[in-house]
Amino acid sequence: MRLSNNTVLITGGATGIGYAMAEAFLESGSAVAICGRKANALSEARAKHPELQTRVCDVSKEDDRRSLVDWAAAQLPALNILINNAGTQRDVDFTKGIDDFISGDNEIRVNLEAVVMLSGLFVPLLTKNKGAAIVNVSSGLGFIPAARMPVYSATKAGLHAFSMALRLQLSTVGIKVFEIVPPTVDTGLNPIGRAKRGNFKANLSPKEFASAVMKGLENDVFEIGFGTTAGLIHASRADLDRSFQQMNSRM
């Protein structure tokens, strides 16, 4: 992938990994638009980088998704890179039945359904432009699920499978499909769950992670890991099973 002279749209782009990638693409000489649910976060991002285009959008909502596509077609006609970054993560305890799952953000809609729908909705626009690509942000937990976050883990495993299949399908129409597999990064993801575990802080900043991702994109590495997740991508089933037991023994 070339890193300059693109028009990039990043969902969940006002904070965390999405914002770090927005900065990285701007620095590489691409035009960037970001969307997210919180207008104040988008405004803060644009105050730092006035060249950013912004759009309030809740990707879990069908009307918002279709409105985003219409907006992009009008405002970003040269759009050639869609980065599906928006995500939510929650600790969900099914020993209590279904109540814990339905009491907060729906991870299935945000993390998986939105990516599937947006990818399909944007294909007609992407195919019009050179260097087209879809970049999906999954997780190491899609390879080794965390028992305390079963729904999040399942959505990211589904996203991995979807990215593999989509990559093969869209290769016939000139759209590359990349999957980014983050380890634990210092973001605002799952604040309630992190508070339960002592408000731990990851040692990896979004900026450092985004820098590694950009190198992978530039070299057409279609599954991009970092640190621990770099090994997960090529791990055997036996290795993954051992890691699953080790990680979840500390619940």
C-alpha atoms as a PDB file:
ATOM      1  CA  MET A   1       0.000   0.000   0.000  1.00  0.00           C
ATOM      2  CA  ARG A   2       1.222   3.476  -0.735  1.00  0.00           C
ATOM      3  CA  LEU A   3       0.971   5.707   2.329  1.00  0.00           C
ATOM      4  CA  SER A   4       0.733   9.081   0.584  1.00  0.00           C
ATOM      5  CA  ASN A   5      -1.900  10.616  -1.673  1.00  0.00           C
ATOM      6  CA  ASN A   6      -4.741   8.561  -0.248  1.00  0.00           C
ATOM      7  CA  THR A   7      -8.145   9.587   1.009  1.00  0.00           C
ATOM      8  CA  VAL A   8      -8.742   7.667   4.234  1.00  0.00           C
ATOM      9  CA  LEU A   9     -11.834   7.236   6.405  1.00  0.00           C
ATOM     10  CA  ILE A  10     -11.303   5.889   9.922  1.00  0.00           C
ATOM     11  CA  THR A  11     -14.196   4.828  12.150  1.00  0.00           C
ATOM     12  CA  GLY A  12     -13.627   5.469  15.833  1.00  0.00           C
ATOM     13  CA  GLY A  13     -10.900   7.833  14.717  1.00  0.00           C
ATOM     14  CA  ALA A  14     -11.047  10.501  17.428  1.00  0.00           C
ATOM     15  CA  THR A  15      -9.152   8.576  20.093  1.00  0.00           C
ATOM     16  CA  GLY A  16      -6.807   5.642  20.683  1.00  0.00           C
ATOM     17  CA  ILE A  17      -5.509   3.556  17.803  1.00  0.00           C
ATOM     18  CA  GLY A  18      -7.844   5.236  15.308  1.00  0.00           C
ATOM     19  CA  TYR A  19      -6.553   8.701  16.133  1.00  0.00           C
ATOM     20  CA  ALA A  20      -2.932   7.532  16.062  1.00  0.00           C
ATOM     21  CA  MET A  21      -3.503   6.100  12.588  1.00  0.00           C
ATOM     22  CA  ALA A  22      -5.186   9.318  11.474  1.00  0.00           C
ATOM     23  CA  GLU A  23      -2.085  11.250  12.536  1.00  0.00           C
ATOM     24  CA  ALA A  24       0.190   8.735  10.821  1.00  0.00           C
ATOM     25  CA  PHE A  25      -1.672   8.984   7.505  1.00  0.00           C
ATOM     26  CA  LEU A  26      -1.720  12.790   7.721  1.00  0.00           C
ATOM     27  CA  GLU A  27       2.032  12.797   8.300  1.00  0.00           C
ATOM     28  CA  SER A  28       2.448  10.521   5.275  1.00  0.00           C
ATOM     29  CA  GLY A  29       0.669  12.990   3.025  1.00  0.00           C
ATOM     30  CA  SER A  30      -2.839  11.541   2.827  1.00  0.00           C
ATOM     31  CA  ALA A  31      -6.200  13.245   3.345  1.00  0.00           C
ATOM     32  CA  VAL A  32      -8.016  11.832   6.373  1.00  0.00           C
ATOM     33  CA  ALA A  33     -11.593  11.824   7.655  1.00  0.00           C
ATOM     34  CA  ILE A  34     -12.622  10.374  11.002  1.00  0.00           C
ATOM     35  CA  CYS A  35     -15.973   9.504  12.490  1.00  0.00           C
ATOM     36  CA  GLY A  36     -17.163   8.579  15.957  1.00  0.00           C
ATOM     37  CA  ARG A  37     -20.076   8.813  18.368  1.00  0.00           C
ATOM     38  CA  LYS A  38     -18.807  11.749  20.454  1.00  0.00           C
ATOM     39  CA  ALA A  39     -18.893  15.196  18.868  1.00  0.00           C
ATOM     40  CA  ASN A  40     -16.626  16.662  21.548  1.00  0.00           C
ATOM     41  CA  ALA A  41     -13.893  14.092  20.889  1.00  0.00           C
ATOM     42  CA  LEU A  42     -14.103  14.781  17.149  1.00  0.00           C
ATOM     43  CA  SER A  43     -13.862  18.516  17.805  1.00  0.00           C
ATOM     44  CA  GLU A  44     -10.787  18.025  19.985  1.00  0.00           C
ATOM     45  CA  ALA A  45      -9.124  15.951  17.261  1.00  0.00           C
ATOM     46  CA  ARG A  46      -9.881  18.578  14.644  1.00  0.00           C
ATOM     47  CA  ALA A  47      -8.567  21.350  16.903  1.00  0.00           C
ATOM     48  CA  LYS A  48      -5.213  19.555  16.881  1.00  0.00           C
ATOM     49  CA  HIS A  49      -5.366  18.811  13.146  1.00  0.00           C
ATOM     50  CA  PRO A  50      -7.634  21.308  11.314  1.00  0.00           C
ATOM     51  CA  GLU A  51      -7.130  19.406   8.065  1.00  0.00           C
ATOM     52  CA  LEU A  52      -9.129  16.464   9.423  1.00  0.00           C
ATOM     53  CA  GLN A  53     -12.677  16.030   8.208  1.00  0.00           C
ATOM     54  CA  THR A  54     -15.061  14.765  10.866  1.00  0.00           C
ATOM     55  CA  ARG A  55     -18.478  13.154  11.035  1.00  0.00           C
ATOM     56  CA  VAL A  56     -20.590  12.125  14.014  1.00  0.00           C
ATOM     57  CA  CYS A  57     -21.668   8.522  13.439  1.00  0.00           C
ATOM     58  CA  ASP A  58     -22.704   5.569  15.576  1.00  0.00           C
ATOM     59  CA  VAL A  59     -21.650   2.616  13.433  1.00  0.00           C
ATOM     60  CA  SER A  60     -23.945   0.272  15.370  1.00  0.00           C
ATOM     61  CA  LYS A  61     -26.966   2.046  13.833  1.00  0.00           C
ATOM     62  CA  GLU A  62     -28.110   1.216  10.320  1.00  0.00           C
ATOM     63  CA  ASP A  63     -29.280   4.753   9.514  1.00  0.00           C
ATOM     64  CA  ASP A  64     -25.969   6.227  10.669  1.00  0.00           C
ATOM     65  CA  ARG A  65     -24.013   3.748   8.546  1.00  0.00           C
ATOM     66  CA  ARG A  66     -25.951   4.589   5.395  1.00  0.00           C
ATOM     67  CA  SER A  67     -25.733   8.310   6.121  1.00  0.00           C
ATOM     68  CA  LEU A  68     -21.966   7.929   6.507  1.00  0.00           C
ATOM     69  CA  VAL A  69     -21.713   6.332   3.070  1.00  0.00           C
ATOM     70  CA  ASP A  70     -23.802   9.094   1.492  1.00  0.00           C
ATOM     71  CA  TRP A  71     -21.674  11.748   3.220  1.00  0.00           C
ATOM     72  CA  ALA A  72     -18.450  10.101   2.070  1.00  0.00           C
ATOM     73  CA  ALA A  73     -19.674   9.832  -1.514  1.00  0.00           C
ATOM     74  CA  ALA A  74     -20.355  13.582  -1.506  1.00  0.00           C
ATOM     75  CA  GLN A  75     -17.438  14.837   0.592  1.00  0.00           C
ATOM     76  CA  LEU A  76     -14.777  12.184  -0.098  1.00  0.00           C
ATOM     77  CA  PRO A  77     -15.221  11.140  -3.742  1.00  0.00           C
ATOM     78  CA  ALA A  78     -11.562  10.033  -3.914  1.00  0.00           C
ATOM     79  CA  LEU A  79     -11.955   7.727  -0.886  1.00  0.00           C
ATOM     80  CA  ASN A  80      -9.753   4.679  -1.383  1.00  0.00           C
ATOM     81  CA  ILE A  81      -9.039   3.415   2.160  1.00  0.00           C
ATOM     82  CA  LEU A  82     -11.639   2.448   4.767  1.00  0.00           C
ATOM     83  CA  ILE A  83     -10.295   1.615   8.234  1.00  0.00           C
ATOM     84  CA  ASN A  84     -12.831  -0.248  10.383  1.00  0.00           C
ATOM     85  CA  ASN A  85     -11.446   0.657  13.789  1.00  0.00           C
ATOM     86  CA  ALA A  86     -14.490   1.487  15.942  1.00  0.00           C
ATOM     87  CA  GLY A  87     -14.939  -1.040  18.718  1.00  0.00           C
ATOM     88  CA  THR A  88     -16.213  -1.597  22.222  1.00  0.00           C
ATOM     89  CA  GLN A  89     -15.055  -4.057  24.870  1.00  0.00           C
ATOM     90  CA  ARG A  90     -16.811  -5.232  28.027  1.00  0.00           C
ATOM     91  CA  ASP A  91     -16.409  -7.820  30.740  1.00  0.00           C
ATOM     92  CA  VAL A  92     -19.536  -9.988  30.496  1.00  0.00           C
ATOM     93  CA  ASP A  93     -20.396 -12.663  33.092  1.00  0.00           C
ATOM     94  CA  PHE A  94     -22.759 -15.307  31.689  1.00  0.00           C
ATOM     95  CA  THR A  95     -22.930 -17.109  35.052  1.00  0.00           C
ATOM     96  CA  LYS A  96     -25.540 -14.444  35.802  1.00  0.00           C
ATOM     97  CA  GLY A  97     -27.578 -15.302  32.711  1.00  0.00           C
ATOM     98  CA  ILE A  98     -28.205 -12.779  29.938  1.00  0.00           C
ATOM     99  CA  ASP A  99     -28.652  -9.598  31.985  1.00  0.00           C
ATOM    100  CA  ASP A 100     -24.982  -8.667  32.056  1.00  0.00           C
ATOM    101  CA  PHE A 101     -24.753  -8.904  28.257  1.00  0.00           C
ATOM    102  CA  ILE A 102     -27.790  -6.743  27.491  1.00  0.00           C
ATOM    103  CA  SER A 103     -26.997  -4.051  30.062  1.00  0.00           C
ATOM    104  CA  GLY A 104     -24.363  -2.215  28.015  1.00  0.00           C
ATOM    105  CA  ASP A 105     -22.991  -1.567  24.522  1.00  0.00           C
ATOM    106  CA  ASN A 106     -23.715  -4.353  22.061  1.00  0.00           C
ATOM    107  CA  GLU A 107     -20.265  -5.616  21.056  1.00  0.00           C
ATOM    108  CA  ILE A 108     -21.694  -7.748  18.251  1.00  0.00           C
ATOM    109  CA  ARG A 109     -23.257  -4.755  16.504  1.00  0.00           C
ATOM    110  CA  VAL A 110     -20.261  -2.472  16.937  1.00  0.00           C
ATOM    111  CA  ASN A 111     -17.339  -4.862  16.465  1.00  0.00           C
ATOM    112  CA  LEU A 112     -18.651  -7.262  13.832  1.00  0.00           C
ATOM    113  CA  GLU A 113     -21.968  -6.306  12.257  1.00  0.00           C
ATOM    114  CA  ALA A 114     -20.814  -2.733  11.593  1.00  0.00           C
ATOM    115  CA  VAL A 115     -17.622  -3.935   9.885  1.00  0.00           C
ATOM    116  CA  VAL A 116     -19.531  -6.356   7.676  1.00  0.00           C
ATOM    117  CA  MET A 117     -22.121  -3.761   6.711  1.00  0.00           C
ATOM    118  CA  LEU A 118     -19.706  -0.863   6.173  1.00  0.00           C
ATOM    119  CA  SER A 119     -17.371  -3.009   4.098  1.00  0.00           C
ATOM    120  CA  GLY A 120     -20.222  -3.964   1.794  1.00  0.00           C
ATOM    121  CA  LEU A 121     -21.676  -0.471   1.646  1.00  0.00           C
ATOM    122  CA  PHE A 122     -18.342   1.124   0.751  1.00  0.00           C
ATOM    123  CA  VAL A 123     -17.228  -1.369  -1.905  1.00  0.00           C
ATOM    124  CA  PRO A 124     -18.941   0.493  -4.795  1.00  0.00           C
ATOM    125  CA  LEU A 125     -17.154   3.729  -3.853  1.00  0.00           C
ATOM    126  CA  LEU A 126     -13.792   2.100  -3.197  1.00  0.00           C
ATOM    127  CA  THR A 127     -13.745   0.286  -6.526  1.00  0.00           C
ATOM    128  CA  LYS A 128     -13.847   3.641  -8.337  1.00  0.00           C
ATOM    129  CA  ASN A 129     -10.472   4.691  -6.956  1.00  0.00           C
ATOM    130  CA  LYS A 130      -6.902   3.432  -7.275  1.00  0.00           C
ATOM    131  CA  GLY A 131      -5.078   1.831  -4.376  1.00  0.00           C
ATOM    132  CA  ALA A 132      -8.318   0.746  -2.723  1.00  0.00           C
ATOM    133  CA  ALA A 133      -8.112  -1.062   0.601  1.00  0.00           C
ATOM    134  CA  ILE A 134     -10.159  -2.056   3.624  1.00  0.00           C
ATOM    135  CA  VAL A 135      -8.293  -2.283   6.932  1.00  0.00           C
ATOM    136  CA  ASN A 136      -9.985  -4.152   9.793  1.00  0.00           C
ATOM    137  CA  VAL A 137      -8.769  -3.781  13.377  1.00  0.00           C
ATOM    138  CA  SER A 138      -9.236  -7.092  15.188  1.00  0.00           C
ATOM    139  CA  SER A 139      -7.430  -8.208  18.375  1.00  0.00           C
ATOM    140  CA  GLY A 140      -5.127 -10.812  19.840  1.00  0.00           C
ATOM    141  CA  LEU A 141      -8.226 -11.951  21.754  1.00  0.00           C
ATOM    142  CA  GLY A 142      -9.648 -13.143  18.451  1.00  0.00           C
ATOM    143  CA  PHE A 143      -6.911 -15.793  18.507  1.00  0.00           C
ATOM    144  CA  ILE A 144      -6.768 -16.442  22.278  1.00  0.00           C
ATOM    145  CA  PRO A 145     -10.159 -15.585  23.824  1.00  0.00           C
ATOM    146  CA  ALA A 146     -10.393 -14.083  27.303  1.00  0.00           C
ATOM    147  CA  ALA A 147     -13.043 -15.831  29.384  1.00  0.00           C
ATOM    148  CA  ARG A 148     -13.947 -12.579  31.140  1.00  0.00           C
ATOM    149  CA  MET A 149     -14.612 -10.956  27.733  1.00  0.00           C
ATOM    150  CA  PRO A 150     -16.340 -13.748  25.789  1.00  0.00           C
ATOM    151  CA  VAL A 151     -18.430 -11.621  23.427  1.00  0.00           C
ATOM    152  CA  TYR A 152     -15.584  -9.272  22.523  1.00  0.00           C
ATOM    153  CA  SER A 153     -13.320 -12.255  21.879  1.00  0.00           C
ATOM    154  CA  ALA A 154     -15.965 -13.879  19.683  1.00  0.00           C
ATOM    155  CA  THR A 155     -16.513 -10.738  17.621  1.00  0.00           C
ATOM    156  CA  LYS A 156     -12.787 -10.394  16.962  1.00  0.00           C
ATOM    157  CA  ALA A 157     -12.486 -14.069  16.006  1.00  0.00           C
ATOM    158  CA  GLY A 158     -15.369 -13.512  13.600  1.00  0.00           C
ATOM    159  CA  LEU A 159     -13.662 -10.417  12.246  1.00  0.00           C
ATOM    160  CA  HIS A 160     -10.509 -12.438  11.576  1.00  0.00           C
ATOM    161  CA  ALA A 161     -12.499 -15.006   9.583  1.00  0.00           C
ATOM    162  CA  PHE A 162     -14.405 -12.284   7.744  1.00  0.00           C
ATOM    163  CA  SER A 163     -11.172 -10.497   6.812  1.00  0.00           C
ATOM    164  CA  MET A 164      -9.665 -13.688   5.402  1.00  0.00           C
ATOM    165  CA  ALA A 165     -12.709 -14.434   3.263  1.00  0.00           C
ATOM    166  CA  LEU A 166     -13.190 -10.812   2.188  1.00  0.00           C
ATOM    167  CA  ARG A 167      -9.538 -10.576   1.158  1.00  0.00           C
ATOM    168  CA  LEU A 168     -10.003 -13.394  -1.326  1.00  0.00           C
ATOM    169  CA  GLN A 169     -13.335 -12.107  -2.637  1.00  0.00           C
ATOM    170  CA  LEU A 170     -12.293  -8.488  -3.130  1.00  0.00           C
ATOM    171  CA  SER A 171      -8.992  -9.376  -4.753  1.00  0.00           C
ATOM    172  CA  THR A 172     -11.062  -9.869  -7.912  1.00  0.00           C
ATOM    173  CA  VAL A 173     -12.167  -6.212  -7.904  1.00  0.00           C
ATOM    174  CA  GLY A 174      -8.852  -4.634  -6.901  1.00  0.00           C
ATOM    175  CA  ILE A 175      -9.488  -3.980  -3.199  1.00  0.00           C
ATOM    176  CA  LYS A 176      -6.826  -5.150  -0.743  1.00  0.00           C
ATOM    177  CA  VAL A 177      -7.983  -6.281   2.699  1.00  0.00           C
ATOM    178  CA  PHE A 178      -5.688  -5.907   5.693  1.00  0.00           C
ATOM    179  CA  GLU A 179      -6.166  -7.091   9.263  1.00  0.00           C
ATOM    180  CA  ILE A 180      -4.475  -5.320  12.161  1.00  0.00           C
ATOM    181  CA  VAL A 181      -4.096  -7.470  15.291  1.00  0.00           C
ATOM    182  CA  PRO A 182      -3.300  -5.269  18.314  1.00  0.00           C
ATOM    183  CA  PRO A 183      -2.007  -6.596  21.626  1.00  0.00           C
ATOM    184  CA  THR A 184      -3.058  -4.634  24.732  1.00  0.00           C
ATOM    185  CA  VAL A 185      -2.580  -0.944  23.898  1.00  0.00           C
ATOM    186  CA  ASP A 186      -2.853   2.044  26.228  1.00  0.00           C
ATOM    187  CA  THR A 187      -6.312   3.277  25.188  1.00  0.00           C
ATOM    188  CA  GLY A 188      -9.626   4.021  26.859  1.00  0.00           C
ATOM    189  CA  LEU A 189     -11.092   0.635  25.875  1.00  0.00           C
ATOM    190  CA  ASN A 190     -13.117  -1.157  28.590  1.00  0.00           C
ATOM    191  CA  PRO A 191     -12.568   1.318  31.455  1.00  0.00           C
ATOM    192  CA  ILE A 192     -14.858  -0.598  33.829  1.00  0.00           C
ATOM    193  CA  GLY A 193     -13.035  -3.875  33.249  1.00  0.00           C
ATOM    194  CA  ARG A 194      -9.642  -2.229  33.604  1.00  0.00           C
ATOM    195  CA  ALA A 195     -10.732  -0.617  36.865  1.00  0.00           C
ATOM    196  CA  LYS A 196     -11.586  -4.081  38.215  1.00  0.00           C
ATOM    197  CA  ARG A 197      -8.016  -5.106  37.477  1.00  0.00           C
ATOM    198  CA  GLY A 198      -6.390  -2.198  39.248  1.00  0.00           C
ATOM    199  CA  ASN A 199      -6.482   0.348  36.410  1.00  0.00           C
ATOM    200  CA  PHE A 200      -3.463  -1.270  34.809  1.00  0.00           C
ATOM    201  CA  LYS A 201      -1.757   0.680  32.046  1.00  0.00           C
ATOM    202  CA  ALA A 202      -0.427  -1.028  28.952  1.00  0.00           C
ATOM    203  CA  ASN A 203       3.190  -0.323  28.055  1.00  0.00           C
ATOM    204  CA  LEU A 204       2.364   0.165  24.371  1.00  0.00           C
ATOM    205  CA  SER A 205       1.167   3.601  23.211  1.00  0.00           C
ATOM    206  CA  PRO A 206      -1.241   3.990  20.278  1.00  0.00           C
ATOM    207  CA  LYS A 207       1.376   6.065  18.451  1.00  0.00           C
ATOM    208  CA  GLU A 208       4.042   3.376  18.762  1.00  0.00           C
ATOM    209  CA  PHE A 209       1.616   0.716  17.603  1.00  0.00           C
ATOM    210  CA  ALA A 210       0.390   2.828  14.677  1.00  0.00           C
ATOM    211  CA  SER A 211       3.984   3.385  13.543  1.00  0.00           C
ATOM    212  CA  ALA A 212       4.508  -0.382  13.306  1.00  0.00           C
ATOM    213  CA  VAL A 213       1.177  -0.801  11.522  1.00  0.00           C
ATOM    214  CA  MET A 214       2.109   1.764   8.881  1.00  0.00           C
ATOM    215  CA  LYS A 215       5.282  -0.154   8.069  1.00  0.00           C
ATOM    216  CA  GLY A 216       3.244  -3.323   7.658  1.00  0.00           C
ATOM    217  CA  LEU A 217       0.711  -1.619   5.407  1.00  0.00           C
ATOM    218  CA  GLU A 218       3.462  -0.138   3.262  1.00  0.00           C
ATOM    219  CA  ASN A 219       4.969  -3.605   2.772  1.00  0.00           C
ATOM    220  CA  ASP A 220       1.596  -5.251   2.024  1.00  0.00           C
ATOM    221  CA  VAL A 221       1.641  -7.420   5.150  1.00  0.00           C
ATOM    222  CA  PHE A 222      -1.996  -8.468   5.166  1.00  0.00           C
ATOM    223  CA  GLU A 223      -2.117  -9.639   8.796  1.00  0.00           C
ATOM    224  CA  ILE A 224      -0.197  -7.202  10.980  1.00  0.00           C
ATOM    225  CA  GLY A 225       0.631  -8.098  14.571  1.00  0.00           C
ATOM    226  CA  PHE A 226       2.934  -6.506  17.110  1.00  0.00           C
ATOM    227  CA  GLY A 227       4.830  -8.054  20.002  1.00  0.00           C
ATOM    228  CA  THR A 228       2.821 -10.958  21.384  1.00  0.00           C
ATOM    229  CA  THR A 229       0.247 -10.874  18.601  1.00  0.00           C
ATOM    230  CA  ALA A 230       2.868 -11.174  15.869  1.00  0.00           C
ATOM    231  CA  GLY A 231       3.426 -14.745  17.033  1.00  0.00           C
ATOM    232  CA  LEU A 232      -0.285 -15.534  17.385  1.00  0.00           C
ATOM    233  CA  ILE A 233      -0.932 -15.037  13.693  1.00  0.00           C
ATOM    234  CA  HIS A 234       1.250 -18.041  12.814  1.00  0.00           C
ATOM    235  CA  ALA A 235       0.847 -20.074  16.022  1.00  0.00           C
ATOM    236  CA  SER A 236      -0.223 -23.719  15.974  1.00  0.00           C
ATOM    237  CA  ARG A 237      -3.485 -24.834  17.551  1.00  0.00           C
ATOM    238  CA  ALA A 238      -1.523 -26.470  20.350  1.00  0.00           C
ATOM    239  CA  ASP A 239       0.319 -23.216  21.047  1.00  0.00           C
ATOM    240  CA  LEU A 240      -2.951 -21.266  21.103  1.00  0.00           C
ATOM    241  CA  ASP A 241      -4.552 -23.783  23.471  1.00  0.00           C
ATOM    242  CA  ARG A 242      -1.604 -23.544  25.866  1.00  0.00           C
ATOM    243  CA  SER A 243      -1.731 -19.760  25.794  1.00  0.00           C
ATOM    244  CA  PHE A 244      -5.490 -19.846  26.404  1.00  0.00           C
ATOM    245  CA  GLN A 245      -5.030 -21.952  29.522  1.00  0.00           C
ATOM    246  CA  GLN A 246      -2.214 -19.734  30.810  1.00  0.00           C
ATOM    247  CA  MET A 247      -4.033 -16.474  30.249  1.00  0.00           C
ATOM    248  CA  ASN A 248      -7.352 -17.577  31.697  1.00  0.00           C
ATOM    249  CA  SER A 249      -5.826 -19.252  34.749  1.00  0.00           C
ATOM    250  CA  ARG A 250      -5.361 -15.723  36.104  1.00  0.00           C
ATOM    251  CA  MET A 251      -9.048 -14.773  35.972  1.00  0.00           C
END
